[in-house]
């Protein structure tokens, strides 16, 4: 009999790894950083029943980021959205990292390589 593993796993919004080889094509690169950009969650207590939802990190539009803000707090450069069939709703990053309140388990995590020129942004510049 196969059962669903309900063990809680701590999700990190950033990962860092050393190069796989000392003969890297970029010798000055000491490590590779990745940022979490999407999570597929399975909601339900068993493999026979439940529902899949997706959380996706998207850049905010430039005009939303440049709007007036009060205080010294930097506005967020991205927004997390939950896709649940036809429903799309914004959610806080902490709810992506810990979706336990909805009896949810992570199914797949998607990370993107981050460098100073490839962080998620709303610019239309060409990425290297």
Protein backbone atom coordinates (compact mmCIF):
# COMPACT_ATOMS: atom_id res chain seq x y z
CA UNK A 1 0.00 0.00 0.00
CA UNK A 2 1.33 3.43 -0.95
CA UNK A 3 0.69 6.37 1.39
CA UNK A 4 1.28 10.07 1.05
CA UNK A 5 4.31 11.35 2.96
CA UNK A 6 3.01 14.22 5.14
CA UNK A 7 6.43 15.06 6.63
CA UNK A 8 6.90 18.83 6.86
CA UNK A 9 9.79 20.08 4.75
CA UNK A 10 11.32 23.49 5.29
CA UNK A 11 11.32 25.44 2.03
CA UNK A 12 14.00 28.03 1.46
CA UNK A 13 13.36 31.01 -0.81
CA UNK A 14 17.11 31.01 -1.64
CA UNK A 15 19.64 28.25 -2.25
CA UNK A 16 23.40 28.54 -2.73
CA UNK A 17 25.71 25.89 -4.18
CA UNK A 18 29.44 25.76 -4.88
CA UNK A 19 30.55 25.11 -8.47
CA UNK A 20 30.47 21.43 -9.45
CA UNK A 21 33.99 21.53 -10.82
CA UNK A 22 37.09 23.57 -10.14
CA UNK A 23 37.45 23.97 -13.92
CA UNK A 24 34.34 26.09 -14.17
CA UNK A 25 33.97 28.26 -17.26
CA UNK A 26 33.70 31.19 -14.85
CA UNK A 27 36.71 30.82 -12.51
CA UNK A 28 35.72 33.86 -10.44
CA UNK A 29 32.32 32.34 -9.62
CA UNK A 30 32.57 31.09 -6.01
CA UNK A 31 28.98 29.87 -5.74
CA UNK A 32 25.66 29.82 -7.54
CA UNK A 33 22.57 31.37 -5.96
CA UNK A 34 19.03 30.32 -6.82
CA UNK A 35 15.72 31.92 -5.88
CA UNK A 36 12.37 30.19 -5.47
CA UNK A 37 10.02 31.16 -8.31
CA UNK A 38 7.24 28.57 -8.18
CA UNK A 39 5.82 25.80 -5.99
CA UNK A 40 3.25 23.15 -6.80
CA UNK A 41 1.36 22.05 -3.69
CA UNK A 42 -0.88 19.03 -3.22
CA UNK A 43 -3.74 19.69 -0.83
CA UNK A 44 -5.27 16.61 0.67
CA UNK A 45 -4.46 13.83 3.09
CA UNK A 46 -3.90 10.99 0.63
CA UNK A 47 -2.56 10.27 -2.83
CA UNK A 48 -6.05 9.13 -3.92
CA UNK A 49 -7.72 12.44 -3.23
CA UNK A 50 -6.78 16.07 -3.16
CA UNK A 51 -6.11 19.01 -5.37
CA UNK A 52 -3.04 20.67 -6.87
CA UNK A 53 -2.44 24.43 -6.71
CA UNK A 54 0.49 26.45 -8.02
CA UNK A 55 2.20 29.44 -6.44
CA UNK A 56 4.16 31.63 -8.86
CA UNK A 57 6.46 34.60 -8.21
CA UNK A 58 5.98 37.36 -10.79
CA UNK A 59 7.55 40.81 -11.16
CA UNK A 60 5.37 43.79 -10.32
CA UNK A 61 4.73 46.25 -13.11
CA UNK A 62 7.15 49.16 -13.13
CA UNK A 63 4.42 51.73 -12.44
CA UNK A 64 3.26 49.78 -9.37
CA UNK A 65 6.80 49.78 -7.95
CA UNK A 66 7.36 53.48 -8.64
CA UNK A 67 4.14 54.58 -6.92
CA UNK A 68 4.33 56.81 -3.89
CA UNK A 69 5.02 55.05 -0.62
CA UNK A 70 5.03 56.36 2.92
CA UNK A 71 8.00 55.75 5.18
CA UNK A 72 11.37 54.31 4.28
CA UNK A 73 10.16 50.83 3.40
CA UNK A 74 11.23 49.68 -0.07
CA UNK A 75 8.21 48.38 -2.05
CA UNK A 76 8.41 44.72 -3.01
CA UNK A 77 9.69 44.04 -6.51
CA UNK A 78 7.54 40.95 -6.96
CA UNK A 79 4.19 39.43 -6.11
CA UNK A 80 3.25 35.82 -5.36
CA UNK A 81 0.06 34.51 -6.97
CA UNK A 82 -1.87 31.33 -6.23
CA UNK A 83 -3.40 29.57 -9.23
CA UNK A 84 -6.25 27.29 -8.17
CA UNK A 85 -8.21 26.24 -11.25
CA UNK A 86 -9.87 29.47 -12.45
CA UNK A 87 -9.11 31.35 -9.22
CA UNK A 88 -5.99 33.54 -9.13
CA UNK A 89 -5.25 35.37 -5.90
CA UNK A 90 -2.23 37.18 -4.46
CA UNK A 91 -0.62 35.74 -1.34
CA UNK A 92 2.20 36.55 1.04
CA UNK A 93 5.58 34.87 0.56
CA UNK A 94 5.30 33.35 4.05
CA UNK A 95 2.17 31.49 2.88
CA UNK A 96 4.14 30.04 -0.05
CA UNK A 97 6.92 28.87 2.24
CA UNK A 98 4.47 27.45 4.82
CA UNK A 99 1.19 26.24 3.31
CA UNK A 100 0.52 23.90 6.27
CA UNK A 101 -2.70 25.63 7.28
CA UNK A 102 -4.36 24.08 4.21
CA UNK A 103 -3.12 20.48 4.82
CA UNK A 104 -0.79 20.96 1.91
CA UNK A 105 2.49 19.33 0.92
CA UNK A 106 5.03 20.49 -1.61
CA UNK A 107 5.06 18.46 -4.79
CA UNK A 108 7.57 20.39 -6.92
CA UNK A 109 9.81 23.38 -6.25
CA UNK A 110 11.15 25.54 -9.06
CA UNK A 111 14.27 27.66 -8.57
CA UNK A 112 15.96 30.11 -10.93
CA UNK A 113 19.67 30.93 -11.11
CA UNK A 114 20.22 34.44 -9.79
CA UNK A 115 23.06 36.78 -10.68
CA UNK A 116 23.08 40.58 -10.53
CA UNK A 117 21.70 40.69 -14.09
CA UNK A 118 19.16 37.85 -13.84
CA UNK A 119 17.15 38.57 -10.69
CA UNK A 120 13.43 38.63 -11.34
CA UNK A 121 12.54 42.10 -12.56
CA UNK A 122 10.01 43.75 -14.78
CA UNK A 123 12.60 45.22 -17.15
CA UNK A 124 12.52 44.22 -20.76
CA UNK A 125 16.31 43.93 -20.98
CA UNK A 126 17.81 40.88 -22.63
CA UNK A 127 19.12 38.34 -20.12
CA UNK A 128 22.61 36.88 -20.73
